[in-house]
Structure formats: C-alpha cells, structure tokens
Amino acid sequence: MKNDIEIVDKIIWHDGVLLETRTICHHAEYNFILIVEVYADDSTSGRQQKIIEFMGVEHFSQIMDATELIDNQSAGNIKDAIILYKKKKYKIMINLFGGFLSFSFGKLRVIDNEC
C-alpha cells in the first residue's frame, strides 16, 4: 500500500486541471487544500479528482490569472509540478497556464483518492 506522499509523487500533473484552492488556519497551523483533476500515474487513461491537504504550510506564494486558467481548463491548466524535500521540509511548485503556486509544508494527506 502506497503512502500519501508516494501517491502524490506519481501524479502526472501536466495537462491536469486546477479546480479549487483553499487555505485553513487550524490549531495554530496553516493548511492548504488543493482540488485537482489529474492523471494518477503513467497508466491512467483519464483524469481523476484528487483532494490533497498540505499541513504545516510556510512561505506561501500564489499568482493566478483567472481568465487564463478558465481558457485553458478543458485542455488542462496545469503545466507541471515538482515536489522537493530539503531540511526536513517539502516544497511544492505548481506551474499553471496563467500563474503558479509555491509553498513549503511539513506533511500531506490525500483526502479523496480514486486509485
């Protein structure tokens, strides 16, 4: 059984669709929820919805052009994404057609996983 970081690491982000972002301040910790439609791995033929909660978020940056995101939604408004691990923290960088998301976090969990 894969853990959540392994599930997210296998995601094919290119041509995925960003559906929703949400931030939550929960018990003195800042969390970020990302709802996307992505290809779960190389063998997946269609996009699947994933709800991912990033916990212990720090150094958060988000720039989005809503018009560009909407214009590119059917083809996929996510260009690519990468997760790095350094000094006991993760960092995710998501490049969008019309912006980007970038933040560091302590851990994550896949809330809704259709795999």
Protein backbone atom coordinates (compact mmCIF):
# COMPACT_ATOMS: atom_id res chain seq x y z
CA MET A 1 0.00 0.00 0.00
CA LYS A 2 1.38 3.40 -1.02
CA ASN A 3 1.60 6.23 1.46
CA ASP A 4 0.15 9.61 0.52
CA ILE A 5 3.45 11.23 -0.49
CA GLU A 6 4.10 8.29 -2.87
CA ILE A 7 0.62 8.71 -4.37
CA VAL A 8 1.17 12.44 -4.95
CA ASP A 9 4.69 11.83 -6.28
CA LYS A 10 3.29 9.52 -9.01
CA ILE A 11 0.72 12.06 -10.20
CA ILE A 12 1.12 13.25 -13.78
CA TRP A 13 0.47 16.96 -13.27
CA HIS A 14 0.91 18.03 -16.93
CA ASP A 15 -2.49 18.76 -18.51
CA GLY A 16 -4.20 18.46 -15.13
CA VAL A 17 -6.95 20.87 -14.09
CA LEU A 18 -6.85 23.12 -11.04
CA LEU A 19 -10.39 23.19 -9.65
CA GLU A 20 -10.07 24.82 -6.23
CA THR A 21 -7.61 26.11 -3.66
CA ARG A 22 -8.47 26.69 -0.03
CA THR A 23 -6.47 27.85 2.98
CA ILE A 24 -7.29 26.95 6.57
CA CYS A 25 -5.77 28.11 9.84
CA HIS A 26 -6.25 25.05 12.03
CA HIS A 27 -4.96 24.85 15.63
CA ALA A 28 -2.11 27.32 15.07
CA GLU A 29 -1.13 25.55 11.85
CA TYR A 30 -1.72 26.83 8.34
CA ASN A 31 -3.07 24.20 5.92
CA PHE A 32 -3.70 24.37 2.18
CA ILE A 33 -6.25 22.24 0.33
CA LEU A 34 -5.80 21.66 -3.37
CA ILE A 35 -8.54 20.10 -5.50
CA VAL A 36 -7.36 18.98 -8.92
CA GLU A 37 -8.20 16.61 -11.75
CA VAL A 38 -5.01 14.81 -12.74
CA TYR A 39 -3.71 11.57 -14.19
CA ALA A 40 -2.92 9.34 -11.19
CA ASP A 41 0.10 7.74 -12.92
CA ASP A 42 1.55 6.85 -16.33
CA SER A 43 -1.02 4.09 -16.94
CA THR A 44 -4.15 6.15 -16.17
CA SER A 45 -6.22 6.98 -19.26
CA GLY A 46 -8.40 9.73 -17.77
CA ARG A 47 -8.18 12.45 -15.17
CA GLN A 48 -9.23 11.65 -11.62
CA GLN A 49 -10.21 14.14 -8.96
CA LYS A 50 -7.78 14.40 -6.05
CA ILE A 51 -8.22 16.39 -2.87
CA ILE A 52 -4.85 16.94 -1.21
CA GLU A 53 -4.33 18.66 2.13
CA PHE A 54 -0.90 20.13 2.80
CA MET A 55 -0.24 20.66 6.51
CA GLY A 56 2.20 22.97 8.26
CA VAL A 57 2.36 25.33 5.27
CA GLU A 58 5.01 28.07 5.22
CA HIS A 59 6.31 30.57 2.66
CA PHE A 60 3.17 30.52 0.52
CA SER A 61 3.04 32.22 -2.92
CA GLN A 62 0.13 32.18 -5.34
CA ILE A 63 -0.32 34.18 -8.54
CA MET A 64 -3.20 33.35 -10.87
CA ASP A 65 -4.80 34.90 -13.92
CA ALA A 66 -8.40 33.67 -13.69
CA THR A 67 -9.09 34.30 -17.39
CA GLU A 68 -6.09 32.20 -18.47
CA LEU A 69 -6.98 29.40 -16.05
CA ILE A 70 -10.54 29.25 -17.38
CA ASP A 71 -9.42 29.47 -21.03
CA ASN A 72 -7.07 26.51 -20.53
CA GLN A 73 -9.33 24.42 -18.30
CA SER A 74 -10.56 21.88 -20.86
CA ALA A 75 -7.07 21.16 -22.22
CA GLY A 76 -5.54 21.34 -18.74
CA ASN A 77 -4.46 24.49 -16.94
CA ILE A 78 -1.58 22.83 -15.03
CA LYS A 79 1.76 22.87 -16.89
CA ASP A 80 3.72 20.79 -14.40
CA ALA A 81 4.61 20.38 -10.74
CA ILE A 82 7.56 19.27 -8.66
CA ILE A 83 7.94 18.33 -5.01
CA LEU A 84 11.34 18.76 -3.37
CA TYR A 85 12.50 17.55 0.05
CA LYS A 86 15.17 19.51 1.90
CA LYS A 87 15.99 20.14 5.55
CA LYS A 88 13.04 18.06 6.81
CA LYS A 89 10.54 20.12 4.79
CA TYR A 90 8.81 19.58 1.48
CA LYS A 91 8.32 22.25 -1.14
CA ILE A 92 5.82 22.05 -3.99
CA MET A 93 5.94 24.25 -7.07
CA ILE A 94 2.98 24.06 -9.46
CA ASN A 95 3.29 25.92 -12.76
CA LEU A 96 -0.03 26.87 -14.30
CA PHE A 97 -1.14 28.31 -17.62
CA GLY A 98 -1.84 31.69 -16.07
CA GLY A 99 0.13 31.57 -12.83
CA PHE A 100 1.82 29.43 -10.21
CA LEU A 101 1.55 28.05 -6.68
CA SER A 102 4.54 27.51 -4.43
CA PHE A 103 4.82 26.71 -0.74
CA SER A 104 6.71 24.61 1.76
CA PHE A 105 4.91 22.16 4.03
CA GLY A 106 5.57 19.56 6.70
CA LYS A 107 3.30 16.74 5.55
CA LEU A 108 0.35 16.00 3.29
CA ARG A 109 -2.59 13.67 3.04
CA VAL A 110 -4.78 12.61 0.16
CA ILE A 111 -8.33 13.16 1.39
CA ASP A 112 -10.04 11.74 -1.68
CA ASN A 113 -8.16 9.10 -3.63
CA GLU A 114 -9.81 7.23 -6.51
CA CYS A 115 -6.83 4.92 -7.16
